[in-house]
Amino acid sequence: MIKTYLIIFLVMLSAVAYSQTNGDYIYSVGVRGYSYMQMPKIMNQTDGSSYLNSSFNSFILKFNDNLFSYRLNGGYMNKNVSFYNNCNNCELVSGKMKDYSFKIGFEKNFNYSGFQPYFALDLGYRSNKFDGISSNINPILNAQADVVGNAIPSNQVIATKEGFTITPVFGIKINPVKQISIFVESNLELFYSYERQESVPQDISNVRSLNKFHKTEYLFNPVSVGIQFHIGNKN
């Protein structure tokens, strides 16, 4: 019985010893397989910033130095979205949203065990563009337009946001084998952007309107799950 306990203890000890993967390898490359993300608010979207599910939309590259790592992040998303604008009975907007980001930062592991909590801070750039059609759905306005025989035209809308981000991150890594880590992380992104809203009615006049703003918003990304591969053994 004592020998059995001793063997178990030595196995556990060796598992903890090899699990300092970041310290043993120079680089780590990874991909986020699933993310549940809050996207920037488009125009006067009534439900606030929307949450979207995405898969394999971002990568991560890290340069490891024991408990401390430098990290590069990049992400891209291309989605068809629909939302109510101004109010639920005002306008229905449908179109394509493209969002991409690039971030650089650092990551700090709290221990060398097989179960590693970590904190990270990323600074970067983000661009979000929406191109679609806005249609009036107000029943009162539509009824008035029918009476006079002058239908309310739809509008082509283009809304863009470009700016800087600051993103604190908290995550957990699990190392099933020495060269691989599975990670789960959550973050809150501060997004300061320059916004342009362009609208062109689809009628004979085609009078273009343009509005410009500077905005700050907080984007909560509850969960991202991914995998990292550690390469470049230091030994």
C-alpha atoms as a PDB file:
ATOM      1  CA  MET A   1       0.000   0.000   0.000  1.00  0.00           C
ATOM      2  CA  ILE A   2       2.832   2.393   0.865  1.00  0.00           C
ATOM      3  CA  LYS A   3       4.491   1.631  -2.478  1.00  0.00           C
ATOM      4  CA  THR A   4       1.214   2.373  -4.268  1.00  0.00           C
ATOM      5  CA  TYR A   5       0.878   5.764  -2.571  1.00  0.00           C
ATOM      6  CA  LEU A   6       4.516   6.513  -3.336  1.00  0.00           C
ATOM      7  CA  ILE A   7       4.066   5.718  -7.015  1.00  0.00           C
ATOM      8  CA  ILE A   8       0.947   7.925  -7.204  1.00  0.00           C
ATOM      9  CA  PHE A   9       2.800  10.770  -5.488  1.00  0.00           C
ATOM     10  CA  LEU A  10       5.740  10.508  -7.914  1.00  0.00           C
ATOM     11  CA  VAL A  11       3.414  10.480 -10.929  1.00  0.00           C
ATOM     12  CA  MET A  12       1.604  13.585  -9.662  1.00  0.00           C
ATOM     13  CA  LEU A  13       4.911  15.285  -8.927  1.00  0.00           C
ATOM     14  CA  SER A  14       6.221  14.565 -12.417  1.00  0.00           C
ATOM     15  CA  ALA A  15       2.991  15.846 -13.986  1.00  0.00           C
ATOM     16  CA  VAL A  16       3.317  19.129 -12.148  1.00  0.00           C
ATOM     17  CA  ALA A  17       6.992  19.341 -13.059  1.00  0.00           C
ATOM     18  CA  TYR A  18       6.475  18.984 -16.814  1.00  0.00           C
ATOM     19  CA  SER A  19       3.422  21.213 -16.921  1.00  0.00           C
ATOM     20  CA  GLN A  20       5.390  24.466 -16.931  1.00  0.00           C
ATOM     21  CA  THR A  21       4.883  24.449 -20.711  1.00  0.00           C
ATOM     22  CA  ASN A  22       5.300  28.167 -21.263  1.00  0.00           C
ATOM     23  CA  GLY A  23       8.666  28.151 -19.522  1.00  0.00           C
ATOM     24  CA  ASP A  24       9.955  25.199 -21.542  1.00  0.00           C
ATOM     25  CA  TYR A  25       9.031  26.500 -24.992  1.00  0.00           C
ATOM     26  CA  ILE A  26       9.943  29.713 -26.798  1.00  0.00           C
ATOM     27  CA  TYR A  27       6.737  30.175 -28.790  1.00  0.00           C
ATOM     28  CA  SER A  28       3.076  29.306 -28.539  1.00  0.00           C
ATOM     29  CA  VAL A  29       0.635  29.485 -31.465  1.00  0.00           C
ATOM     30  CA  GLY A  30      -3.057  29.047 -31.018  1.00  0.00           C
ATOM     31  CA  VAL A  31      -6.559  29.559 -32.340  1.00  0.00           C
ATOM     32  CA  ARG A  32      -9.843  30.372 -30.634  1.00  0.00           C
ATOM     33  CA  GLY A  33     -12.216  27.607 -31.627  1.00  0.00           C
ATOM     34  CA  TYR A  34     -15.327  29.222 -30.129  1.00  0.00           C
ATOM     35  CA  SER A  35     -16.150  32.714 -28.888  1.00  0.00           C
ATOM     36  CA  TYR A  36     -19.299  34.358 -27.579  1.00  0.00           C
ATOM     37  CA  MET A  37     -18.653  38.036 -28.259  1.00  0.00           C
ATOM     38  CA  GLN A  38     -20.336  41.391 -27.813  1.00  0.00           C
ATOM     39  CA  MET A  39     -19.996  43.445 -30.987  1.00  0.00           C
ATOM     40  CA  PRO A  40     -19.866  47.253 -31.284  1.00  0.00           C
ATOM     41  CA  LYS A  41     -23.232  48.979 -31.472  1.00  0.00           C
ATOM     42  CA  ILE A  42     -24.336  49.783 -35.034  1.00  0.00           C
ATOM     43  CA  MET A  43     -26.052  53.171 -35.542  1.00  0.00           C
ATOM     44  CA  ASN A  44     -28.853  53.509 -32.945  1.00  0.00           C
ATOM     45  CA  GLN A  45     -29.396  49.791 -32.490  1.00  0.00           C
ATOM     46  CA  THR A  46     -32.241  49.375 -30.006  1.00  0.00           C
ATOM     47  CA  ASP A  47     -30.977  46.233 -28.246  1.00  0.00           C
ATOM     48  CA  GLY A  48     -27.555  47.728 -27.611  1.00  0.00           C
ATOM     49  CA  SER A  49     -24.457  45.896 -28.734  1.00  0.00           C
ATOM     50  CA  SER A  50     -25.329  42.432 -29.994  1.00  0.00           C
ATOM     51  CA  TYR A  51     -23.728  39.152 -28.923  1.00  0.00           C
ATOM     52  CA  LEU A  52     -22.604  36.766 -31.645  1.00  0.00           C
ATOM     53  CA  ASN A  53     -21.298  33.218 -31.711  1.00  0.00           C
ATOM     54  CA  SER A  54     -18.166  32.718 -33.777  1.00  0.00           C
ATOM     55  CA  SER A  55     -15.775  29.861 -34.470  1.00  0.00           C
ATOM     56  CA  PHE A  56     -12.141  29.854 -35.552  1.00  0.00           C
ATOM     57  CA  ASN A  57     -12.206  33.614 -36.136  1.00  0.00           C
ATOM     58  CA  SER A  58      -9.025  34.640 -34.293  1.00  0.00           C
ATOM     59  CA  PHE A  59      -5.447  33.540 -33.675  1.00  0.00           C
ATOM     60  CA  ILE A  60      -2.856  34.134 -30.981  1.00  0.00           C
ATOM     61  CA  LEU A  61       0.958  34.093 -31.070  1.00  0.00           C
ATOM     62  CA  LYS A  62       3.015  34.248 -27.865  1.00  0.00           C
ATOM     63  CA  PHE A  63       6.676  34.655 -27.005  1.00  0.00           C
ATOM     64  CA  ASN A  64       7.212  32.889 -23.698  1.00  0.00           C
ATOM     65  CA  ASP A  65       9.531  33.783 -20.838  1.00  0.00           C
ATOM     66  CA  ASN A  66       8.754  31.570 -17.831  1.00  0.00           C
ATOM     67  CA  LEU A  67       5.654  33.005 -16.106  1.00  0.00           C
ATOM     68  CA  PHE A  68       5.591  36.045 -18.413  1.00  0.00           C
ATOM     69  CA  SER A  69       4.654  36.112 -22.123  1.00  0.00           C
ATOM     70  CA  TYR A  70       4.241  38.675 -24.872  1.00  0.00           C
ATOM     71  CA  ARG A  71       1.188  38.063 -27.051  1.00  0.00           C
ATOM     72  CA  LEU A  72      -0.138  39.055 -30.466  1.00  0.00           C
ATOM     73  CA  ASN A  73      -3.839  38.658 -31.266  1.00  0.00           C
ATOM     74  CA  GLY A  74      -5.710  38.990 -34.531  1.00  0.00           C
ATOM     75  CA  GLY A  75      -9.345  38.419 -35.390  1.00  0.00           C
ATOM     76  CA  TYR A  76     -11.786  38.723 -38.282  1.00  0.00           C
ATOM     77  CA  MET A  77     -15.559  38.328 -38.549  1.00  0.00           C
ATOM     78  CA  ASN A  78     -17.940  38.573 -41.513  1.00  0.00           C
ATOM     79  CA  LYS A  79     -21.617  38.172 -40.604  1.00  0.00           C
ATOM     80  CA  ASN A  80     -25.092  38.983 -41.903  1.00  0.00           C
ATOM     81  CA  VAL A  81     -27.004  40.868 -39.193  1.00  0.00           C
ATOM     82  CA  SER A  82     -30.450  42.440 -38.736  1.00  0.00           C
ATOM     83  CA  PHE A  83     -31.610  44.827 -36.026  1.00  0.00           C
ATOM     84  CA  TYR A  84     -34.159  47.511 -35.154  1.00  0.00           C
ATOM     85  CA  ASN A  85     -32.875  51.073 -35.381  1.00  0.00           C
ATOM     86  CA  ASN A  86     -34.025  54.007 -33.168  1.00  0.00           C
ATOM     87  CA  CYS A  87     -37.054  52.025 -31.854  1.00  0.00           C
ATOM     88  CA  ASN A  88     -38.703  48.649 -32.374  1.00  0.00           C
ATOM     89  CA  ASN A  89     -41.356  50.237 -34.606  1.00  0.00           C
ATOM     90  CA  CYS A  90     -39.102  52.658 -36.476  1.00  0.00           C
ATOM     91  CA  GLU A  91     -36.676  50.972 -38.855  1.00  0.00           C
ATOM     92  CA  LEU A  92     -35.527  47.473 -39.666  1.00  0.00           C
ATOM     93  CA  VAL A  93     -31.914  47.356 -40.822  1.00  0.00           C
ATOM     94  CA  SER A  94     -30.335  44.344 -42.538  1.00  0.00           C
ATOM     95  CA  GLY A  95     -26.915  43.917 -44.083  1.00  0.00           C
ATOM     96  CA  LYS A  96     -23.372  42.650 -43.708  1.00  0.00           C
ATOM     97  CA  MET A  97     -21.021  43.423 -40.838  1.00  0.00           C
ATOM     98  CA  LYS A  98     -17.239  43.072 -41.119  1.00  0.00           C
ATOM     99  CA  ASP A  99     -15.111  43.369 -38.012  1.00  0.00           C
ATOM    100  CA  TYR A 100     -11.379  42.897 -37.581  1.00  0.00           C
ATOM    101  CA  SER A 101      -8.871  43.656 -34.849  1.00  0.00           C
ATOM    102  CA  PHE A 102      -5.169  43.466 -34.059  1.00  0.00           C
ATOM    103  CA  LYS A 103      -3.815  43.583 -30.511  1.00  0.00           C
ATOM    104  CA  ILE A 104      -0.479  43.348 -28.732  1.00  0.00           C
ATOM    105  CA  GLY A 105       0.053  42.808 -25.018  1.00  0.00           C
ATOM    106  CA  PHE A 106       1.441  40.650 -22.236  1.00  0.00           C
ATOM    107  CA  GLU A 107       0.312  37.642 -20.243  1.00  0.00           C
ATOM    108  CA  LYS A 108       1.189  36.677 -16.677  1.00  0.00           C
ATOM    109  CA  ASN A 109       0.736  33.116 -15.415  1.00  0.00           C
ATOM    110  CA  PHE A 110       0.156  32.690 -11.688  1.00  0.00           C
ATOM    111  CA  ASN A 111       1.785  29.273 -11.319  1.00  0.00           C
ATOM    112  CA  TYR A 112       3.535  26.388 -13.074  1.00  0.00           C
ATOM    113  CA  SER A 113       0.884  23.739 -12.396  1.00  0.00           C
ATOM    114  CA  GLY A 114      -1.205  21.818 -14.914  1.00  0.00           C
ATOM    115  CA  PHE A 115      -4.098  24.147 -14.081  1.00  0.00           C
ATOM    116  CA  GLN A 116      -2.820  27.666 -14.786  1.00  0.00           C
ATOM    117  CA  PRO A 117      -4.869  30.818 -14.176  1.00  0.00           C
ATOM    118  CA  TYR A 118      -3.482  33.871 -15.944  1.00  0.00           C
ATOM    119  CA  PHE A 119      -4.043  37.587 -16.455  1.00  0.00           C
ATOM    120  CA  ALA A 120      -3.377  39.497 -19.682  1.00  0.00           C
ATOM    121  CA  LEU A 121      -3.622  43.061 -20.948  1.00  0.00           C
ATOM    122  CA  ASP A 122      -3.903  43.807 -24.679  1.00  0.00           C
ATOM    123  CA  LEU A 123      -3.736  47.136 -26.540  1.00  0.00           C
ATOM    124  CA  GLY A 124      -4.782  47.365 -30.154  1.00  0.00           C
ATOM    125  CA  TYR A 125      -6.782  48.620 -33.102  1.00  0.00           C
ATOM    126  CA  ARG A 126     -10.304  47.650 -34.179  1.00  0.00           C
ATOM    127  CA  SER A 127     -12.369  48.347 -37.285  1.00  0.00           C
ATOM    128  CA  ASN A 128     -16.085  47.606 -37.621  1.00  0.00           C
ATOM    129  CA  LYS A 129     -18.059  48.245 -40.815  1.00  0.00           C
ATOM    130  CA  PHE A 130     -21.735  47.687 -41.593  1.00  0.00           C
ATOM    131  CA  ASP A 131     -23.243  48.003 -45.082  1.00  0.00           C
ATOM    132  CA  GLY A 132     -26.971  47.422 -45.502  1.00  0.00           C
ATOM    133  CA  ILE A 133     -30.498  48.640 -46.143  1.00  0.00           C
ATOM    134  CA  SER A 134     -32.781  50.445 -43.680  1.00  0.00           C
ATOM    135  CA  SER A 135     -36.543  50.058 -44.200  1.00  0.00           C
ATOM    136  CA  ASN A 136     -39.285  51.994 -42.448  1.00  0.00           C
ATOM    137  CA  ILE A 137     -41.650  49.740 -40.446  1.00  0.00           C
ATOM    138  CA  ASN A 138     -43.623  52.420 -38.596  1.00  0.00           C
ATOM    139  CA  PRO A 139     -47.284  51.501 -39.275  1.00  0.00           C
ATOM    140  CA  ILE A 140     -48.554  55.075 -38.817  1.00  0.00           C
ATOM    141  CA  LEU A 141     -46.061  56.593 -41.257  1.00  0.00           C
ATOM    142  CA  ASN A 142     -46.668  53.808 -43.755  1.00  0.00           C
ATOM    143  CA  ALA A 143     -50.439  54.352 -43.526  1.00  0.00           C
ATOM    144  CA  GLN A 144     -50.020  58.083 -44.116  1.00  0.00           C
ATOM    145  CA  ALA A 145     -47.754  57.409 -47.083  1.00  0.00           C
ATOM    146  CA  ASP A 146     -50.339  55.031 -48.589  1.00  0.00           C
ATOM    147  CA  VAL A 147     -53.031  57.707 -48.332  1.00  0.00           C
ATOM    148  CA  VAL A 148     -51.024  60.212 -50.364  1.00  0.00           C
ATOM    149  CA  GLY A 149     -49.671  57.503 -52.666  1.00  0.00           C
ATOM    150  CA  ASN A 150     -46.039  58.213 -51.839  1.00  0.00           C
ATOM    151  CA  ALA A 151     -44.231  55.218 -50.378  1.00  0.00           C
ATOM    152  CA  ILE A 152     -41.399  55.860 -47.945  1.00  0.00           C
ATOM    153  CA  PRO A 153     -38.144  54.821 -49.654  1.00  0.00           C
ATOM    154  CA  SER A 154     -35.598  52.541 -48.045  1.00  0.00           C
ATOM    155  CA  ASN A 155     -32.115  53.846 -47.313  1.00  0.00           C
ATOM    156  CA  GLN A 156     -28.720  52.420 -48.044  1.00  0.00           C
ATOM    157  CA  VAL A 157     -26.680  52.832 -44.865  1.00  0.00           C
ATOM    158  CA  ILE A 158     -22.959  52.504 -44.217  1.00  0.00           C
ATOM    159  CA  ALA A 159     -21.721  52.735 -40.641  1.00  0.00           C
ATOM    160  CA  THR A 160     -18.042  52.433 -39.743  1.00  0.00           C
ATOM    161  CA  LYS A 161     -16.141  52.541 -36.466  1.00  0.00           C
ATOM    162  CA  GLU A 162     -12.370  52.658 -36.187  1.00  0.00           C
ATOM    163  CA  GLY A 163     -10.372  53.142 -33.029  1.00  0.00           C
ATOM    164  CA  PHE A 164      -8.208  51.892 -30.196  1.00  0.00           C
ATOM    165  CA  THR A 165      -8.910  49.188 -27.653  1.00  0.00           C
ATOM    166  CA  ILE A 166      -7.715  48.333 -24.145  1.00  0.00           C
ATOM    167  CA  THR A 167      -8.594  44.799 -23.078  1.00  0.00           C
ATOM    168  CA  PRO A 168      -7.928  43.220 -19.660  1.00  0.00           C
ATOM    169  CA  VAL A 169      -8.225  39.426 -19.849  1.00  0.00           C
ATOM    170  CA  PHE A 170      -8.613  36.670 -17.271  1.00  0.00           C
ATOM    171  CA  GLY A 171      -8.188  33.052 -18.319  1.00  0.00           C
ATOM    172  CA  ILE A 172      -7.356  29.493 -17.348  1.00  0.00           C
ATOM    173  CA  LYS A 173      -5.102  27.026 -19.161  1.00  0.00           C
ATOM    174  CA  ILE A 174      -5.104  23.254 -18.836  1.00  0.00           C
ATOM    175  CA  ASN A 175      -2.164  21.214 -20.121  1.00  0.00           C
ATOM    176  CA  PRO A 176      -3.282  17.689 -21.113  1.00  0.00           C
ATOM    177  CA  VAL A 177       0.170  17.037 -22.642  1.00  0.00           C
ATOM    178  CA  LYS A 178       3.409  18.949 -22.517  1.00  0.00           C
ATOM    179  CA  GLN A 179       3.176  20.545 -25.974  1.00  0.00           C
ATOM    180  CA  ILE A 180      -0.524  21.519 -25.876  1.00  0.00           C
ATOM    181  CA  SER A 181      -2.662  23.835 -23.742  1.00  0.00           C
ATOM    182  CA  ILE A 182      -6.428  24.261 -23.812  1.00  0.00           C
ATOM    183  CA  PHE A 183      -7.503  27.700 -22.638  1.00  0.00           C
ATOM    184  CA  VAL A 184     -10.716  29.437 -21.606  1.00  0.00           C
ATOM    185  CA  GLU A 185     -10.719  33.192 -21.169  1.00  0.00           C
ATOM    186  CA  SER A 186     -13.030  36.160 -20.622  1.00  0.00           C
ATOM    187  CA  ASN A 187     -12.397  39.849 -21.224  1.00  0.00           C
ATOM    188  CA  LEU A 188     -13.830  43.357 -21.081  1.00  0.00           C
ATOM    189  CA  GLU A 189     -12.813  45.586 -23.991  1.00  0.00           C
ATOM    190  CA  LEU A 190     -12.759  49.379 -23.881  1.00  0.00           C
ATOM    191  CA  PHE A 191     -13.316  50.625 -27.445  1.00  0.00           C
ATOM    192  CA  TYR A 192     -12.739  54.314 -28.256  1.00  0.00           C
ATOM    193  CA  SER A 193     -13.735  54.937 -31.864  1.00  0.00           C
ATOM    194  CA  TYR A 194     -14.317  57.473 -34.601  1.00  0.00           C
ATOM    195  CA  GLU A 195     -17.692  56.704 -36.190  1.00  0.00           C
ATOM    196  CA  ARG A 196     -19.192  57.637 -39.574  1.00  0.00           C
ATOM    197  CA  GLN A 197     -22.853  57.072 -40.423  1.00  0.00           C
ATOM    198  CA  GLU A 198     -23.755  57.532 -44.077  1.00  0.00           C
ATOM    199  CA  SER A 199     -27.298  57.243 -45.450  1.00  0.00           C
ATOM    200  CA  VAL A 200     -28.604  57.513 -49.029  1.00  0.00           C
ATOM    201  CA  PRO A 201     -32.389  57.214 -49.721  1.00  0.00           C
ATOM    202  CA  GLN A 202     -33.222  54.880 -52.584  1.00  0.00           C
ATOM    203  CA  ASP A 203     -35.350  57.383 -54.495  1.00  0.00           C
ATOM    204  CA  ILE A 204     -34.901  59.818 -57.363  1.00  0.00           C
ATOM    205  CA  SER A 205     -33.167  62.426 -55.202  1.00  0.00           C
ATOM    206  CA  ASN A 206     -30.444  60.198 -53.652  1.00  0.00           C
ATOM    207  CA  VAL A 207     -29.524  62.970 -51.199  1.00  0.00           C
ATOM    208  CA  ARG A 208     -26.607  61.729 -49.104  1.00  0.00           C
ATOM    209  CA  SER A 209     -26.408  62.479 -45.381  1.00  0.00           C
ATOM    210  CA  LEU A 210     -23.328  62.000 -43.235  1.00  0.00           C
ATOM    211  CA  ASN A 211     -22.886  62.114 -39.457  1.00  0.00           C
ATOM    212  CA  LYS A 212     -19.631  61.808 -37.518  1.00  0.00           C
ATOM    213  CA  PHE A 213     -19.067  60.961 -33.848  1.00  0.00           C
ATOM    214  CA  HIS A 214     -16.438  59.980 -31.299  1.00  0.00           C
ATOM    215  CA  LYS A 215     -17.701  57.234 -29.010  1.00  0.00           C
ATOM    216  CA  THR A 216     -16.547  55.089 -26.102  1.00  0.00           C
ATOM    217  CA  GLU A 217     -18.154  51.748 -25.351  1.00  0.00           C
ATOM    218  CA  TYR A 218     -17.452  48.664 -23.257  1.00  0.00           C
ATOM    219  CA  LEU A 219     -17.689  45.266 -24.935  1.00  0.00           C
ATOM    220  CA  PHE A 220     -18.004  42.198 -22.712  1.00  0.00           C
ATOM    221  CA  ASN A 221     -16.799  38.913 -24.184  1.00  0.00           C
ATOM    222  CA  PRO A 222     -17.915  36.267 -21.671  1.00  0.00           C
ATOM    223  CA  VAL A 223     -16.088  33.244 -23.027  1.00  0.00           C
ATOM    224  CA  SER A 224     -13.539  32.150 -25.593  1.00  0.00           C
ATOM    225  CA  VAL A 225     -12.251  28.594 -25.861  1.00  0.00           C
ATOM    226  CA  GLY A 226      -9.163  27.655 -27.815  1.00  0.00           C
ATOM    227  CA  ILE A 227      -6.038  25.565 -28.126  1.00  0.00           C
ATOM    228  CA  GLN A 228      -2.339  26.466 -28.109  1.00  0.00           C
ATOM    229  CA  PHE A 229       0.647  24.528 -29.441  1.00  0.00           C
ATOM    230  CA  HIS A 230       4.026  25.119 -27.800  1.00  0.00           C
ATOM    231  CA  ILE A 231       7.073  24.995 -30.066  1.00  0.00           C
ATOM    232  CA  GLY A 232      10.781  25.793 -29.894  1.00  0.00           C
ATOM    233  CA  ASN A 233      12.034  23.827 -26.907  1.00  0.00           C
ATOM    234  CA  LYS A 234      14.589  25.847 -24.903  1.00  0.00           C
ATOM    235  CA  ASN A 235      16.503  22.756 -23.831  1.00  0.00           C
END
